[in-house]
Amino acid sequence: MVLMKFYQKPACSTCRRAKKWLTENGVKITEVDLNQGLSEAELDALIGKRDYLQFLNFRNELYRERKMKAHPPSRGEAIRLMSRHPNLIRRPLLVQGSKIALGFDEDEFRELTSR
């Protein structure tokens, strides 16, 4: 099995549940702690051609304060904000090559890890 990248925050209960699922299912991962932040270039590469708005954590205080649902930021602004405010990044993220699972959904994780 190919080693997957698992972007997470250790204090996040959803991330801990996802990591437990990965461990129980024998999935080998390289962990990336989002507390350390990601550069704008890393975020741009991670998002690729996907809808960048899916990477925004709509439960985040900054997301709500800036009313991003009603007034979404541009791609560049969203990437800048996520780079400066890692809590704004939706998590966890499980990455295998060009495939990404955003958030923790067992079915999505199962599909991604069975390839």
C-alpha atoms as a PDB file:
ATOM      1  CA  MET A   1       0.000   0.000   0.000  1.00  0.00           C
ATOM      2  CA  VAL A   2       1.166   3.518  -0.834  1.00  0.00           C
ATOM      3  CA  LEU A   3       1.962   5.824   2.074  1.00  0.00           C
ATOM      4  CA  MET A   4      -0.724   8.499   2.367  1.00  0.00           C
ATOM      5  CA  LYS A   5      -0.473  12.019   3.750  1.00  0.00           C
ATOM      6  CA  PHE A   6      -2.786  12.785   6.643  1.00  0.00           C
ATOM      7  CA  TYR A   7      -3.223  16.501   7.392  1.00  0.00           C
ATOM      8  CA  GLN A   8      -4.645  16.995  10.866  1.00  0.00           C
ATOM      9  CA  LYS A   9      -4.636  18.889  14.144  1.00  0.00           C
ATOM     10  CA  PRO A  10      -3.905  16.641  17.145  1.00  0.00           C
ATOM     11  CA  ALA A  11      -6.440  18.450  19.375  1.00  0.00           C
ATOM     12  CA  CYS A  12      -9.265  18.004  16.841  1.00  0.00           C
ATOM     13  CA  SER A  13     -11.645  15.207  17.907  1.00  0.00           C
ATOM     14  CA  THR A  14     -12.640  14.460  14.297  1.00  0.00           C
ATOM     15  CA  CYS A  15      -8.958  14.164  13.344  1.00  0.00           C
ATOM     16  CA  ARG A  16      -8.369  11.781  16.250  1.00  0.00           C
ATOM     17  CA  ARG A  17     -11.346   9.639  15.155  1.00  0.00           C
ATOM     18  CA  ALA A  18     -10.035   9.598  11.585  1.00  0.00           C
ATOM     19  CA  LYS A  19      -6.523   8.665  12.720  1.00  0.00           C
ATOM     20  CA  LYS A  20      -7.946   5.856  14.870  1.00  0.00           C
ATOM     21  CA  TRP A  21      -9.882   4.558  11.848  1.00  0.00           C
ATOM     22  CA  LEU A  22      -6.732   4.671   9.697  1.00  0.00           C
ATOM     23  CA  THR A  23      -4.716   2.816  12.356  1.00  0.00           C
ATOM     24  CA  GLU A  24      -7.422   0.169  12.867  1.00  0.00           C
ATOM     25  CA  ASN A  25      -7.578  -0.385   9.111  1.00  0.00           C
ATOM     26  CA  GLY A  26      -3.814  -0.721   8.731  1.00  0.00           C
ATOM     27  CA  VAL A  27      -3.387   2.388   6.600  1.00  0.00           C
ATOM     28  CA  LYS A  28       0.174   3.714   6.585  1.00  0.00           C
ATOM     29  CA  ILE A  29       0.286   7.495   6.827  1.00  0.00           C
ATOM     30  CA  THR A  30       2.682  10.389   7.010  1.00  0.00           C
ATOM     31  CA  GLU A  31       1.205  12.939   9.391  1.00  0.00           C
ATOM     32  CA  VAL A  32       1.229  16.662   8.722  1.00  0.00           C
ATOM     33  CA  ASP A  33       0.333  18.819  11.738  1.00  0.00           C
ATOM     34  CA  LEU A  34      -1.758  21.734  10.523  1.00  0.00           C
ATOM     35  CA  ASN A  35      -0.771  23.655  13.671  1.00  0.00           C
ATOM     36  CA  GLN A  36       2.552  24.197  11.896  1.00  0.00           C
ATOM     37  CA  GLY A  37       0.682  25.829   9.020  1.00  0.00           C
ATOM     38  CA  LEU A  38       1.102  25.393   5.290  1.00  0.00           C
ATOM     39  CA  SER A  39       2.680  27.850   2.898  1.00  0.00           C
ATOM     40  CA  GLU A  40       0.595  29.459   0.194  1.00  0.00           C
ATOM     41  CA  ALA A  41       2.470  27.357  -2.383  1.00  0.00           C
ATOM     42  CA  GLU A  42       1.706  24.142  -0.455  1.00  0.00           C
ATOM     43  CA  LEU A  43      -1.976  25.041  -0.216  1.00  0.00           C
ATOM     44  CA  ASP A  44      -2.154  26.006  -3.880  1.00  0.00           C
ATOM     45  CA  ALA A  45      -0.625  22.657  -4.879  1.00  0.00           C
ATOM     46  CA  LEU A  46      -2.882  20.723  -2.494  1.00  0.00           C
ATOM     47  CA  ILE A  47      -6.028  22.403  -3.796  1.00  0.00           C
ATOM     48  CA  GLY A  48      -4.930  22.069  -7.415  1.00  0.00           C
ATOM     49  CA  LYS A  49      -7.898  22.358  -9.772  1.00  0.00           C
ATOM     50  CA  ARG A  50     -10.452  21.528  -7.078  1.00  0.00           C
ATOM     51  CA  ASP A  51     -12.991  23.991  -5.744  1.00  0.00           C
ATOM     52  CA  TYR A  52     -10.942  25.922  -3.196  1.00  0.00           C
ATOM     53  CA  LEU A  53     -14.085  26.775  -1.208  1.00  0.00           C
ATOM     54  CA  GLN A  54     -14.361  23.111  -0.160  1.00  0.00           C
ATOM     55  CA  PHE A  55     -11.096  23.535   1.749  1.00  0.00           C
ATOM     56  CA  LEU A  56     -12.518  26.272   3.983  1.00  0.00           C
ATOM     57  CA  ASN A  57     -13.686  25.216   7.440  1.00  0.00           C
ATOM     58  CA  PHE A  58     -17.176  26.713   7.595  1.00  0.00           C
ATOM     59  CA  ARG A  59     -17.270  26.123  11.368  1.00  0.00           C
ATOM     60  CA  ASN A  60     -14.298  28.438  11.895  1.00  0.00           C
ATOM     61  CA  GLU A  61     -14.862  31.750  13.671  1.00  0.00           C
ATOM     62  CA  LEU A  62     -13.023  33.753  10.985  1.00  0.00           C
ATOM     63  CA  TYR A  63     -15.191  32.121   8.298  1.00  0.00           C
ATOM     64  CA  ARG A  64     -18.317  33.269  10.131  1.00  0.00           C
ATOM     65  CA  GLU A  65     -16.955  36.721  11.055  1.00  0.00           C
ATOM     66  CA  ARG A  66     -16.112  37.473   7.433  1.00  0.00           C
ATOM     67  CA  LYS A  67     -19.429  36.015   6.238  1.00  0.00           C
ATOM     68  CA  MET A  68     -17.559  33.894   3.719  1.00  0.00           C
ATOM     69  CA  LYS A  69     -20.618  31.828   2.850  1.00  0.00           C
ATOM     70  CA  ALA A  70     -22.442  34.900   1.538  1.00  0.00           C
ATOM     71  CA  HIS A  71     -19.287  36.658   0.320  1.00  0.00           C
ATOM     72  CA  PRO A  72     -16.705  34.015  -0.631  1.00  0.00           C
ATOM     73  CA  PRO A  73     -13.106  35.176  -0.913  1.00  0.00           C
ATOM     74  CA  SER A  74     -11.206  34.857  -4.175  1.00  0.00           C
ATOM     75  CA  ARG A  75      -9.001  31.792  -4.546  1.00  0.00           C
ATOM     76  CA  GLY A  76      -5.866  33.831  -3.835  1.00  0.00           C
ATOM     77  CA  GLU A  77      -7.367  35.480  -0.759  1.00  0.00           C
ATOM     78  CA  ALA A  78      -8.669  32.129   0.559  1.00  0.00           C
ATOM     79  CA  ILE A  79      -5.207  30.586   0.181  1.00  0.00           C
ATOM     80  CA  ARG A  80      -3.586  33.570   1.937  1.00  0.00           C
ATOM     81  CA  LEU A  81      -6.093  33.348   4.785  1.00  0.00           C
ATOM     82  CA  MET A  82      -5.685  29.572   5.197  1.00  0.00           C
ATOM     83  CA  SER A  83      -1.903  29.971   5.221  1.00  0.00           C
ATOM     84  CA  ARG A  84      -2.090  32.609   7.976  1.00  0.00           C
ATOM     85  CA  HIS A  85      -4.952  30.955   9.899  1.00  0.00           C
ATOM     86  CA  PRO A  86      -4.560  27.139   9.766  1.00  0.00           C
ATOM     87  CA  ASN A  87      -7.815  26.685  11.713  1.00  0.00           C
ATOM     88  CA  LEU A  88      -9.554  27.928   8.578  1.00  0.00           C
ATOM     89  CA  ILE A  89      -8.461  24.759   6.729  1.00  0.00           C
ATOM     90  CA  ARG A  90     -11.075  22.010   6.693  1.00  0.00           C
ATOM     91  CA  ARG A  91      -9.705  18.915   8.355  1.00  0.00           C
ATOM     92  CA  PRO A  92      -8.699  16.200   8.364  1.00  0.00           C
ATOM     93  CA  LEU A  93      -7.400  15.734   4.836  1.00  0.00           C
ATOM     94  CA  LEU A  94      -6.276  12.369   3.542  1.00  0.00           C
ATOM     95  CA  VAL A  95      -4.213  12.536   0.370  1.00  0.00           C
ATOM     96  CA  GLN A  96      -3.131   9.767  -1.982  1.00  0.00           C
ATOM     97  CA  GLY A  97      -1.530  11.114  -5.129  1.00  0.00           C
ATOM     98  CA  SER A  98      -4.079  13.412  -6.748  1.00  0.00           C
ATOM     99  CA  LYS A  99      -7.009  12.060  -4.693  1.00  0.00           C
ATOM    100  CA  ILE A 100      -8.168  13.825  -1.525  1.00  0.00           C
ATOM    101  CA  ALA A 101     -10.766  13.102   1.150  1.00  0.00           C
ATOM    102  CA  LEU A 102     -11.837  16.284   2.961  1.00  0.00           C
ATOM    103  CA  GLY A 103     -13.209  15.889   6.462  1.00  0.00           C
ATOM    104  CA  PHE A 104     -13.766  12.447   7.932  1.00  0.00           C
ATOM    105  CA  ASP A 105     -16.249  10.230   6.168  1.00  0.00           C
ATOM    106  CA  GLU A 106     -15.613   6.502   6.630  1.00  0.00           C
ATOM    107  CA  ASP A 107     -16.954   5.652   3.180  1.00  0.00           C
ATOM    108  CA  GLU A 108     -14.689   8.207   1.487  1.00  0.00           C
ATOM    109  CA  PHE A 109     -11.693   7.048   3.524  1.00  0.00           C
ATOM    110  CA  ARG A 110     -12.487   3.408   2.702  1.00  0.00           C
ATOM    111  CA  GLU A 111     -12.752   4.201  -1.014  1.00  0.00           C
ATOM    112  CA  LEU A 112      -9.510   6.193  -1.032  1.00  0.00           C
ATOM    113  CA  THR A 113      -7.554   3.614   0.975  1.00  0.00           C
ATOM    114  CA  SER A 114      -8.752   0.624  -1.048  1.00  0.00           C
ATOM    115  CA  ARG A 115      -7.076   1.790  -4.264  1.00  0.00           C
END
